[in-house]
Protein backbone atom coordinates (compact mmCIF):
# COMPACT_ATOMS: atom_id res chain seq x y z
CA CYS A 1 73.97 86.83 78.38
CA PHE A 2 77.62 86.47 79.46
CA LYS A 3 76.74 83.51 81.66
CA ILE A 4 75.03 81.77 78.78
CA MET A 5 77.98 82.40 76.47
CA PHE A 6 80.53 81.10 78.95
CA ASN A 7 78.76 77.86 79.89
CA PHE A 8 78.03 74.81 77.78
CA THR A 9 74.71 73.44 79.00
CA SER A 10 73.46 71.39 76.07
CA SER A 11 73.79 67.64 76.57
CA LEU A 12 73.19 67.20 72.82
CA ILE A 13 76.34 69.17 72.02
CA LYS A 14 78.21 67.18 74.63
CA GLN A 15 77.12 63.84 73.20
CA LYS A 16 78.03 64.98 69.69
CA ILE A 17 81.56 66.03 70.64
CA ILE A 18 82.26 62.93 72.75
CA GLY A 19 81.10 60.73 69.90
CA MET A 20 83.79 62.14 67.63
CA ILE A 21 86.59 60.60 69.71
CA ASP A 22 87.92 57.11 69.08
CA THR A 23 90.21 56.35 72.01
CA ASN A 24 91.11 52.91 70.60
CA THR A 25 92.79 54.30 67.46
CA LYS A 26 93.92 57.55 69.14
CA SER A 27 92.12 59.58 66.52
CA ILE A 28 89.39 62.19 66.56
CA SER A 29 87.13 63.95 64.07
CA LEU A 30 87.50 67.72 63.93
CA ASN A 31 84.72 68.34 61.41
CA SER A 32 82.94 70.58 63.92
CA LEU A 33 85.94 72.92 63.76
CA GLY A 34 85.97 72.85 59.96
CA ILE A 35 89.11 70.69 59.88
CA ASN A 36 88.77 67.67 57.60
CA SER A 37 92.23 66.14 57.88
CA SER A 38 92.36 62.44 57.16
CA LYS A 39 95.18 61.88 59.65
CA VAL A 40 94.55 63.19 63.14
CA HIS A 41 96.55 61.94 66.15
CA TYR A 42 94.62 62.25 69.43
CA GLN A 43 96.07 62.28 72.93
CA LEU A 44 99.46 60.78 72.07
CA SER A 45 101.85 60.21 74.95
CA SER A 46 104.92 62.35 75.51
CA ASN A 47 107.14 59.44 74.41
CA GLU A 48 105.16 59.00 71.19
CA LEU A 49 105.41 62.69 70.34
CA HIS A 50 109.13 62.64 71.18
CA SER A 51 109.65 59.75 68.75
CA ILE A 52 107.56 61.28 65.96
CA THR A 53 109.49 64.54 66.24
CA LEU A 54 112.76 62.66 65.80
CA LYS A 55 111.41 60.62 62.86
CA LYS A 56 110.28 63.77 61.09
CA ASN A 57 113.73 65.34 61.65
CA GLN A 58 112.08 68.20 63.52
CA GLY A 59 114.26 67.74 66.60
CA LYS A 60 117.33 66.05 68.05
CA GLU A 61 117.81 64.22 71.31
CA SER A 62 120.23 65.76 73.79
CA SER A 63 122.65 63.86 76.00
CA LEU A 64 120.29 64.57 78.92
CA GLY A 65 117.44 62.76 77.14
CA ALA A 66 115.35 65.87 76.42
CA ILE A 67 114.45 66.64 72.82
CA ALA A 68 115.84 69.86 71.33
CA ILE A 69 113.88 71.78 68.71
CA ASN A 70 114.26 75.06 66.84
CA THR A 71 111.20 77.31 66.80
CA GLY A 72 112.26 78.97 63.55
CA GLU A 73 111.87 82.65 62.73
CA PHE A 74 110.39 83.55 66.11
CA THR A 75 112.26 82.69 69.30
CA GLY A 76 109.97 84.72 71.51
CA ARG A 77 106.50 86.21 71.60
CA SER A 78 105.52 88.90 69.11
CA PRO A 79 103.43 91.36 71.17
CA MET A 80 102.69 93.64 68.22
CA ASP A 81 100.94 90.73 66.53
CA ARG A 82 98.61 89.81 69.40
CA PHE A 83 94.96 90.69 68.82
CA ILE A 84 91.60 90.41 70.57
CA VAL A 85 88.35 90.23 68.63
CA LYS A 86 86.28 93.32 69.44
CA ASP A 87 82.67 92.24 69.92
CA GLY A 88 79.77 92.40 72.34
CA ILE A 89 81.69 90.71 75.15
CA THR A 90 84.94 92.64 74.86
CA LYS A 91 84.22 96.10 73.46
CA ASP A 92 83.48 97.77 76.83
CA GLU A 93 85.72 95.62 79.04
CA ILE A 94 89.12 95.45 77.30
CA TRP A 95 91.78 98.12 77.77
CA TRP A 96 92.29 98.73 74.06
CA GLY A 97 95.61 100.10 72.81
CA ASP A 98 99.07 98.96 71.80
CA ILE A 99 98.87 95.89 74.06
CA ASN A 100 95.31 94.78 73.38
CA ILE A 101 94.90 95.42 69.67
CA PRO A 102 91.35 95.12 68.30
CA PHE A 103 90.54 92.67 65.51
CA SER A 104 87.25 92.61 63.65
CA THR A 105 84.84 89.69 63.76
CA ASP A 106 84.71 89.53 59.96
CA ASN A 107 88.50 89.39 59.63
CA PHE A 108 88.67 86.68 62.28
CA ASP A 109 86.08 84.52 60.54
CA LYS A 110 87.82 84.82 57.18
CA LEU A 111 91.27 84.10 58.63
CA TYR A 112 89.91 81.18 60.67
CA ASP A 113 88.50 79.60 57.53
CA LYS A 114 91.87 79.91 55.82
CA VAL A 115 93.71 78.31 58.74
CA VAL A 116 91.38 75.33 59.10
CA SER A 117 91.48 74.81 55.33
CA TYR A 118 95.28 74.78 55.55
CA LEU A 119 95.21 72.27 58.42
CA SER A 120 92.74 70.04 56.58
CA GLU A 121 95.59 69.09 54.26
CA LYS A 122 98.00 68.27 57.09
CA GLU A 123 98.76 65.48 59.54
CA ILE A 124 97.80 67.09 62.83
CA PHE A 125 98.01 66.44 66.56
CA VAL A 126 95.20 67.03 69.06
CA ARG A 127 95.25 67.11 72.85
CA ASP A 128 92.52 67.55 75.43
CA SER A 129 93.77 69.16 78.62
CA TYR A 130 92.72 71.78 81.12
CA ALA A 131 93.92 74.85 83.00
CA CYS A 132 93.47 75.71 86.70
CA ALA A 133 94.32 73.14 89.38
CA ASP A 134 91.40 74.22 91.57
CA PRO A 135 88.38 72.25 90.29
CA ASN A 136 86.10 75.22 91.01
CA TYR A 137 87.90 77.19 88.29
CA LYS A 138 88.79 74.40 85.85
CA LEU A 139 88.88 75.36 82.15
CA ASN A 140 88.80 72.50 79.64
CA ILE A 141 90.98 73.09 76.57
CA ARG A 142 91.38 71.33 73.23
CA VAL A 143 94.71 72.04 71.50
CA VAL A 144 95.11 71.42 67.76
CA ASN A 145 98.72 71.49 66.52
CA GLU A 146 100.42 71.24 63.16
CA TYR A 147 103.69 69.95 64.70
CA PRO A 148 104.19 67.03 67.11
CA TRP A 149 106.58 68.97 69.36
CA SER A 150 104.02 71.78 69.73
CA ASN A 151 101.54 69.17 70.96
CA MET A 152 104.17 67.79 73.31
CA PHE A 153 104.57 71.33 74.67
CA ALA A 154 100.82 71.42 75.34
CA TYR A 155 101.17 68.08 77.16
CA ASN A 156 103.93 69.55 79.31
CA MET A 157 102.35 72.90 80.10
CA PHE A 158 98.63 72.27 80.56
CA LEU A 159 97.09 70.02 83.19
CA ARG A 160 96.62 66.42 82.08
CA PRO A 161 93.19 64.76 82.46
CA THR A 162 92.94 61.18 83.67
CA THR A 163 91.53 58.47 81.39
CA GLU A 164 88.28 58.68 83.34
CA GLU A 165 88.08 62.45 82.89
CA LEU A 166 88.48 62.07 79.13
CA VAL A 167 85.39 59.86 78.86
CA ASP A 168 83.01 62.82 79.05
CA PHE A 169 85.52 65.60 78.31
CA LEU A 170 83.92 68.71 76.83
CA PRO A 171 86.31 71.46 75.62
CA GLU A 172 85.35 74.98 76.59
CA TRP A 173 88.24 76.71 74.77
CA THR A 174 90.10 75.62 71.65
CA VAL A 175 93.66 76.52 70.67
CA ILE A 176 94.39 76.17 66.95
CA ASN A 177 98.11 76.37 66.26
CA ALA A 178 99.42 76.45 62.67
CA PRO A 179 103.05 77.66 62.58
CA GLY A 180 103.37 76.93 58.86
CA PHE A 181 100.41 79.10 57.85
CA MET A 182 101.42 82.60 56.77
CA ALA A 183 98.81 85.35 56.80
CA ASP A 184 98.56 87.96 54.06
CA ALA A 185 98.48 91.20 56.03
CA ALA A 186 96.85 93.15 53.19
CA LEU A 187 93.95 90.70 53.00
CA ASP A 188 93.71 89.28 56.53
CA GLY A 189 93.90 92.41 58.69
CA THR A 190 97.07 91.34 60.51
CA ARG A 191 100.24 93.40 60.83
CA GLN A 192 102.38 90.78 59.11
CA HIS A 193 102.39 87.03 58.45
CA ASN A 194 102.28 85.87 62.09
CA PHE A 195 99.41 86.35 64.51
CA ALA A 196 97.91 85.29 67.86
CA ILE A 197 94.21 86.16 68.15
CA LEU A 198 91.75 85.63 71.02
CA ASN A 199 88.03 85.37 70.33
CA PHE A 200 86.06 85.39 73.60
CA THR A 201 82.70 84.78 71.96
CA LYS A 202 83.84 81.69 70.05
CA LYS A 203 86.35 80.75 72.76
CA ILE A 204 89.18 80.23 70.30
CA ALA A 205 92.87 81.13 70.41
CA LEU A 206 94.06 81.23 66.79
CA ILE A 207 97.84 81.17 66.29
CA GLY A 208 99.70 81.12 62.99
CA GLY A 209 102.99 82.00 61.31
CA THR A 210 105.10 81.40 64.42
CA GLY A 211 106.59 78.24 65.91
CA TYR A 212 107.34 79.85 69.29
CA THR A 213 105.54 77.57 71.73
CA GLY A 214 105.10 80.28 74.38
CA GLU A 215 102.27 81.75 72.28
CA ILE A 216 100.20 78.63 73.07
CA LYS A 217 100.38 78.92 76.85
CA LYS A 218 100.17 82.71 76.90
CA GLY A 219 97.04 82.64 74.75
CA ILE A 220 95.18 80.71 77.44
CA PHE A 221 96.79 82.80 80.18
CA SER A 222 95.48 85.96 78.50
CA ALA A 223 92.01 84.41 78.25
CA LEU A 224 92.02 83.55 81.96
CA ASN A 225 93.19 87.08 82.80
CA PHE A 226 89.84 88.23 81.42
CA ILE A 227 87.57 85.36 82.49
CA LEU A 228 88.66 85.08 86.14
CA PRO A 229 88.32 88.72 87.27
CA VAL A 230 85.23 89.49 85.15
CA PHE A 231 83.23 86.32 85.81
CA LYS A 232 84.85 84.60 88.84
CA ASN A 233 86.01 87.54 91.02
CA THR A 234 89.43 85.86 91.15
CA LEU A 235 92.77 87.64 90.69
CA PRO A 236 94.96 86.17 87.91
CA MET A 237 98.68 86.63 88.52
CA HIS A 238 101.85 86.38 86.41
CA CYS A 239 103.87 84.88 89.23
CA SER A 240 105.46 81.79 90.70
CA ALA A 241 104.43 80.35 94.07
CA ASN A 242 105.59 77.87 96.68
CA VAL A 243 104.46 76.64 100.07
CA GLY A 244 106.36 76.00 103.30
CA LYS A 245 106.12 73.25 105.89
CA ASN A 246 103.67 75.37 107.88
CA GLN A 247 101.44 75.67 104.78
CA ASP A 248 102.34 79.34 104.32
CA THR A 249 102.23 80.36 100.66
CA ALA A 250 104.76 82.74 99.09
CA ILE A 251 104.10 84.49 95.77
CA PHE A 252 106.84 85.78 93.42
CA PHE A 253 105.98 88.37 90.78
CA GLY A 254 108.60 89.26 88.20
CA LEU A 255 109.31 89.87 84.55
CA SER A 256 111.56 87.66 82.46
CA GLY A 257 115.11 87.47 83.80
CA THR A 258 114.33 88.62 87.36
CA GLY A 259 114.57 85.16 88.96
CA LYS A 260 110.89 84.22 89.28
CA THR A 261 111.41 80.56 88.34
CA THR A 262 114.81 80.23 90.03
CA LEU A 263 113.79 81.67 93.41
CA SER A 264 110.53 79.74 93.69
CA ALA A 265 112.40 76.44 93.15
CA ASP A 266 113.43 76.12 96.81
CA PRO A 267 114.46 72.71 98.22
CA GLU A 268 112.95 73.72 101.58
CA ARG A 269 109.53 74.54 100.10
CA LYS A 270 107.12 72.79 97.75
CA LEU A 271 106.60 74.35 94.32
CA ILE A 272 103.01 75.24 93.42
CA GLY A 273 103.94 76.60 90.00
CA ASP A 274 106.43 78.83 88.22
CA ASP A 275 104.43 81.30 86.11
CA GLU A 276 100.62 81.60 86.21
CA HIS A 277 98.29 81.51 89.22
CA GLY A 278 94.93 82.63 90.56
CA TRP A 279 94.10 84.02 94.01
CA THR A 280 90.54 83.14 95.03
CA ASN A 281 87.96 84.61 97.38
CA GLU A 282 88.60 81.59 99.60
CA ASN A 283 92.18 82.90 100.08
CA THR A 284 93.75 80.04 98.14
CA VAL A 285 96.34 80.26 95.36
CA PHE A 286 96.17 77.76 92.50
CA ASN A 287 98.40 77.01 89.53
CA PHE A 288 96.93 77.46 86.06
CA GLU A 289 99.43 75.05 84.52
CA GLY A 290 100.77 71.52 84.67
CA GLY A 291 104.36 72.33 83.82
CA CYS A 292 107.22 74.82 83.86
CA TYR A 293 108.75 76.92 81.09
CA ALA A 294 112.15 78.01 82.34
CA LYS A 295 114.87 80.14 80.83
CA ALA A 296 117.90 78.01 79.94
CA ILE A 297 120.54 80.68 79.36
CA ASP A 298 123.65 80.02 81.49
CA LEU A 299 121.84 77.20 83.29
CA SER A 300 124.08 75.08 85.50
CA GLU A 301 123.61 72.19 87.87
CA ASP A 302 125.34 74.10 90.67
CA LYS A 303 123.23 77.27 90.50
CA GLU A 304 119.84 75.82 89.60
CA PRO A 305 119.87 72.10 90.39
CA GLU A 306 116.07 71.64 90.41
CA ILE A 307 115.67 73.03 86.89
CA TYR A 308 118.80 71.29 85.58
CA HIS A 309 117.64 67.89 86.82
CA ALA A 310 114.22 68.45 85.22
CA ILE A 311 115.90 68.30 81.79
CA LYS A 312 115.39 64.67 80.88
CA LYS A 313 113.21 62.69 78.49
CA GLY A 314 109.85 64.41 78.32
CA ALA A 315 111.36 67.90 78.45
CA ILE A 316 111.64 70.12 75.37
CA LEU A 317 114.67 72.36 74.84
CA GLU A 318 114.15 75.35 72.57
CA ASN A 319 116.77 77.06 70.42
CA ILE A 320 119.80 75.77 72.34
CA ILE A 321 123.13 74.73 70.82
CA MET A 322 124.45 71.17 71.15
CA ASP A 323 127.60 69.47 69.92
CA LYS A 324 127.57 66.30 67.77
CA ASN A 325 127.20 64.18 70.93
CA GLY A 326 124.15 66.07 72.11
CA VAL A 327 126.00 67.92 74.88
CA ILE A 328 124.32 71.27 75.51
CA ASP A 329 126.17 74.58 75.72
CA PHE A 330 123.79 76.61 77.86
CA SER A 331 125.97 79.71 77.49
CA ASP A 332 125.65 79.77 73.68
CA THR A 333 123.15 82.46 72.67
CA SER A 334 123.92 82.40 68.93
CA ILE A 335 120.25 81.66 68.14
CA THR A 336 118.66 83.71 70.93
CA GLN A 337 119.15 84.82 74.53
CA ASN A 338 115.65 83.46 75.14
CA THR A 339 116.62 79.78 75.20
CA ARG A 340 113.96 77.77 77.03
CA VAL A 341 113.05 74.38 78.46
CA SER A 342 109.54 73.11 79.14
CA TYR A 343 108.77 70.09 81.31
CA PRO A 344 105.88 68.61 83.31
CA ILE A 345 105.86 69.90 86.88
CA GLU A 346 106.41 66.31 88.04
CA HIS A 347 110.00 66.63 86.78
CA ILE A 348 110.54 68.72 89.92
CA ASP A 349 110.89 66.50 92.98
CA ASN A 350 109.53 68.87 95.59
CA ILE A 351 106.06 69.89 94.40
CA GLN A 352 102.72 70.63 96.02
CA LYS A 353 99.98 68.12 95.10
CA PRO A 354 97.53 69.31 93.96
CA SER A 355 99.03 72.63 92.85
CA ILE A 356 97.05 74.68 95.37
CA GLY A 357 98.32 76.71 98.30
CA LYS A 358 96.50 78.34 101.20
CA ASN A 359 97.19 81.19 103.56
CA PRO A 360 99.37 83.56 101.45
CA LYS A 361 101.75 85.31 103.84
CA ASN A 362 104.44 86.98 101.71
CA ILE A 363 104.54 88.48 98.23
CA PHE A 364 107.82 89.31 96.51
CA PHE A 365 108.06 91.78 93.63
CA LEU A 366 111.27 90.88 91.78
CA THR A 367 113.10 93.49 89.72
CA ALA A 368 116.47 93.38 87.98
CA ASP A 369 117.36 97.02 88.56
CA ALA A 370 120.25 97.68 86.17
CA PHE A 371 120.61 101.20 87.58
CA GLY A 372 121.74 99.65 90.86
CA VAL A 373 119.85 102.12 93.07
CA LEU A 374 116.98 100.11 94.55
CA PRO A 375 117.66 98.28 97.84
CA PRO A 376 118.28 94.54 97.50
CA ILE A 377 115.18 94.05 99.65
CA SER A 378 112.64 96.47 101.08
CA LYS A 379 109.25 96.26 102.73
CA LEU A 380 106.28 97.97 101.05
CA THR A 381 103.15 99.56 102.47
CA PRO A 382 99.82 98.59 100.85
CA SER A 383 99.82 101.77 98.75
CA GLN A 384 103.43 101.19 97.66
CA ALA A 385 102.61 97.59 96.80
CA ALA A 386 99.73 98.67 94.55
CA TYR A 387 101.90 101.34 92.90
CA HIS A 388 104.80 98.99 92.21
CA PHE A 389 102.40 96.29 91.00
CA ILE A 390 100.94 98.66 88.42
CA SER A 391 104.43 99.86 87.46
CA GLY A 392 105.98 96.40 87.02
CA TYR A 393 109.53 97.73 86.82
CA THR A 394 112.69 96.06 85.62
CA ALA A 395 115.45 97.30 83.28
CA LYS A 396 116.99 96.46 79.94
CA VAL A 397 120.76 96.31 79.78
CA ALA A 398 123.26 96.88 77.00
CA GLY A 399 123.30 94.07 74.47
CA THR A 400 119.74 92.85 74.98
CA GLU A 401 118.36 95.00 72.17
CA ALA A 402 119.90 96.90 69.27
CA GLY A 403 120.83 100.43 70.26
CA VAL A 404 120.77 99.82 74.02
CA THR A 405 124.10 101.08 75.37
CA GLU A 406 123.14 101.89 78.97
CA PRO A 407 120.37 100.79 81.34
CA VAL A 408 116.86 101.57 80.14
CA PRO A 409 113.83 101.41 82.47
CA SER A 410 111.29 98.81 81.38
CA PHE A 411 107.78 98.87 82.81
CA SER A 412 105.18 96.15 82.34
CA ALA A 413 101.98 96.73 84.29
CA CYS A 414 101.10 93.99 86.78
CA PHE A 415 104.42 92.31 85.88
CA GLY A 416 102.70 90.97 82.78
CA ALA A 417 101.16 93.75 80.67
CA PRO A 418 101.24 91.79 77.37
CA PHE A 419 98.81 89.26 78.87
CA MET A 420 96.42 91.59 80.73
CA PRO A 421 93.25 92.43 78.78
CA LEU A 422 91.73 94.67 81.48
CA HIS A 423 93.01 98.03 82.69
CA PRO A 424 95.92 97.49 85.14
CA THR A 425 94.20 99.40 87.94
CA ARG A 426 91.48 96.72 88.08
CA TYR A 427 94.06 94.06 88.86
CA ALA A 428 95.91 96.37 91.27
CA GLU A 429 92.77 97.18 93.25
CA MET A 430 91.94 93.46 93.49
CA LEU A 431 95.47 92.73 94.73
CA SER A 432 95.36 95.55 97.29
CA LYS A 433 92.02 94.30 98.65
CA LYS A 434 93.26 90.71 98.95
CA MET A 435 96.50 91.81 100.61
CA LYS A 436 94.62 93.71 103.30
CA GLU A 437 92.11 90.92 103.92
CA ALA A 438 94.85 88.28 104.17
CA GLY A 439 97.35 90.43 106.10
CA VAL A 440 100.07 89.75 103.54
CA ASN A 441 103.53 91.33 103.69
CA VAL A 442 104.88 92.66 100.39
CA TRP A 443 108.58 92.96 99.59
CA LEU A 444 110.44 94.60 96.70
CA VAL A 445 113.51 92.50 95.84
CA ASN A 446 116.25 93.81 93.56
CA THR A 447 117.97 90.87 91.87
CA GLY A 448 119.83 93.32 89.61
CA TRP A 449 122.94 95.40 90.20
CA SER A 450 124.75 96.56 93.30
CA GLY A 451 127.69 98.95 93.73
CA GLY A 452 126.89 100.89 90.56
CA GLN A 453 124.77 100.56 87.47
CA TYR A 454 125.24 97.89 84.81
CA GLY A 455 128.81 98.05 83.47
CA VAL A 456 130.16 99.42 86.78
CA GLY A 457 128.58 97.42 89.59
CA LYS A 458 127.99 93.69 89.85
CA ARG A 459 124.88 91.54 89.68
CA MET A 460 123.48 90.81 93.14
CA ALA A 461 124.83 87.45 94.31
CA LEU A 462 122.14 84.78 94.12
CA LYS A 463 123.20 83.46 97.55
CA TYR A 464 122.40 86.86 99.10
CA THR A 465 119.00 87.09 97.40
CA ARG A 466 118.15 83.58 98.58
CA ALA A 467 119.28 84.49 102.11
CA MET A 468 117.04 87.57 102.16
CA ILE A 469 114.00 85.64 100.96
CA THR A 470 114.69 82.86 103.46
CA ALA A 471 114.92 85.46 106.25
CA VAL A 472 111.51 86.85 105.27
CA LEU A 473 109.93 83.39 105.15
CA LYS A 474 111.34 82.51 108.57
CA GLY A 475 110.13 85.79 110.05
CA ASP A 476 113.66 87.01 110.78
CA LEU A 477 113.12 90.50 109.32
CA GLY A 478 110.18 91.17 111.64
CA ASN A 479 107.88 94.18 111.57
CA TYR A 480 108.88 97.71 110.67
CA THR A 481 110.61 99.67 113.42
CA TYR A 482 113.02 102.60 113.21
CA GLU A 483 115.74 100.51 114.87
CA ASP A 484 115.45 97.71 112.33
CA TYR A 485 114.58 99.60 109.12
CA HIS A 486 115.71 102.70 107.24
CA ILE A 487 113.34 104.67 105.00
CA HIS A 488 114.91 105.23 101.59
CA SER A 489 115.14 108.98 100.99
CA VAL A 490 114.11 108.80 97.31
CA PHE A 491 111.80 105.81 96.96
CA GLY A 492 110.29 105.88 100.47
CA VAL A 493 110.55 102.11 100.94
CA ALA A 494 111.69 100.50 104.20
CA GLN A 495 115.05 98.76 103.83
CA PRO A 496 116.21 96.45 106.66
CA ARG A 497 119.43 97.36 108.45
CA ARG A 498 120.32 93.71 109.13
CA CYS A 499 119.61 90.35 107.55
CA PRO A 500 121.02 86.91 108.45
CA GLY A 501 123.55 85.73 105.88
CA VAL A 502 123.90 89.11 104.17
CA PRO A 503 126.60 91.73 104.91
CA SER A 504 124.99 94.91 106.25
CA SER A 505 126.86 96.97 103.66
CA VAL A 506 125.05 95.12 100.87
CA LEU A 507 121.65 96.10 102.28
CA SER A 508 122.27 99.81 101.63
CA PRO A 509 122.58 100.53 97.90
CA ARG A 510 123.99 104.02 98.54
CA THR A 511 126.81 102.56 100.66
CA THR A 512 127.81 100.11 97.94
CA TRP A 513 128.35 102.94 95.44
CA ASN A 514 130.99 104.82 97.47
CA ASN A 515 129.89 107.97 95.62
CA ASP A 516 126.82 109.72 97.03
CA ASP A 517 126.51 112.29 94.24
CA ALA A 518 126.55 109.67 91.50
CA TYR A 519 124.15 107.46 93.45
CA TYR A 520 121.51 110.13 94.02
CA LYS A 521 121.78 111.44 90.47
CA THR A 522 121.00 107.94 89.19
CA ALA A 523 118.29 107.35 91.82
CA PHE A 524 116.50 110.56 90.78
CA LYS A 525 116.76 109.49 87.15
CA LEU A 526 114.94 106.27 87.97
CA SER A 527 112.33 107.96 90.19
CA ASN A 528 111.51 110.33 87.31
CA ALA A 529 111.09 107.32 85.02
CA PHE A 530 108.59 105.85 87.51
CA ARG A 531 106.64 109.10 87.58
CA ASN A 532 106.57 109.48 83.80
CA ASN A 533 105.42 105.89 83.34
CA PHE A 534 102.65 106.27 85.93
CA LYS A 535 101.06 109.25 84.16
CA GLN A 536 99.15 106.85 81.90
CA PHE A 537 97.42 105.35 84.96
CA GLU A 538 96.82 108.43 87.14
CA GLU A 539 93.27 109.22 86.04
CA PHE A 540 92.21 105.61 86.68
CA ALA A 541 94.11 105.04 89.96
CA ASN A 542 92.61 105.76 93.37
CA GLU A 543 94.29 108.03 95.91
CA GLU A 544 95.85 105.15 97.83
CA ILE A 545 97.66 103.86 94.73
CA ARG A 546 98.86 107.35 93.75
CA ARG A 547 100.46 107.81 97.19
CA GLY A 548 102.67 104.74 96.74
CA GLY A 549 105.23 106.18 94.32
CA PRO A 550 108.74 107.57 94.91
CA GLN A 551 108.90 110.41 97.43
CA ARG A 552 111.41 112.63 95.61
CA TYR A 553 112.11 113.51 91.99
CA ALA A 554 114.79 115.45 90.11
CA LEU A 555 113.80 118.97 89.12
């Protein structure tokens, strides 16, 4: 029955939907969705949406040409308000809990009716697009937005069909996005007024009460994180990826702030994508998206030239501060530290076309270790790779959240727990199998602190991190040998003794501290945090994964 539910086979339905589109007037009927708006804009260009946003005073143009908007109350995702409808498809597959919160079918239907009734009174913007650059995995999407800049975000972030592809376009999933609609938690079954709900039977992502655009792309990402492993035997990954001149693909996993977007934008390699990918049985890696969604905090032309130069007309800046002349202050976090910019991937000069890579050779797990105890780079065994993938470690530092005064371990399974509907061990076992079959090397890269924890040490220099990654990609770090690597006494990972372009002293975190007692005390503190976090996965993890954790703990 799953196959029937996940495939549109009726030509009658297809003819009916196609007939609703009038490409001459750029309008479309949405009666089939229950939306009866008299003013619907269909498939407007980026320039048109840019202009409409300005005319409606919903944004301002920056000196770089990009439009700047304010997302309102929410400047980031709201994970406690993300729900999945619990029904025949999902009830036995989803890892239910604080991340995947169940929502009843009845409550969804009632809330859906309220949202489409609300939108029926609005001028709305509709876009047909798709996810997954590999045509074998293509997912057609229709996005319905209340605001023009939200629709422009969908243009930037999803893949853009050609005119010919739109002729017989049939949406498989629909995103309905109504930032101005506020739910009544007491009546609608939500936690509060905002919500993001996935319904796998009706293939709808329903978003309301929040203007944060990231909810749109992450809704589809979450859907693919269920569809691909369950129905396509393909591993979905929260990662960036690029490809070298020899067609070797590198994959970068990492949570927000670890350098995933920055490090994959390499002038010597072509960018496949910066955030969401799939790894197929054919050993190819494909981008889900058609754009990039980069952090803008402290952005500079010197440090991140590829991203900086992508900020031009067609890009959308979120929650940044500009002066009266439209000059951006990227260091100003008075609205949020999560300032963002979205742009079509074509704004990057050096990209892979199409966004598909073959022959994955190296995987990098990026972590911003604010405790300053992990090596700046280390090589992982298959069991360690699976363990660290499930753990998904980084750290919060003072000032990022109220009450945080010293480093706090932060774990997000598979480097993307908020978007993973299945149990993390299912993704980890798929990754481990693919790594072995492809002969991939896996590296743990600490882009965080060196010489002491946050407040004492310093952030690892970007030039050193780039040098280490370049050395791996060129094969300069070689295979593990005792002469070339040292096994870390607490975490058991293999840290290289030498690396071109990096002082040897930097490669040993203990050496940079100049205080062995303080270093080991902090290292044991972090290893205990790993162990405590992993307890939730132990009964589901196989023996190989369990063996991959730290070797020593504090008593």
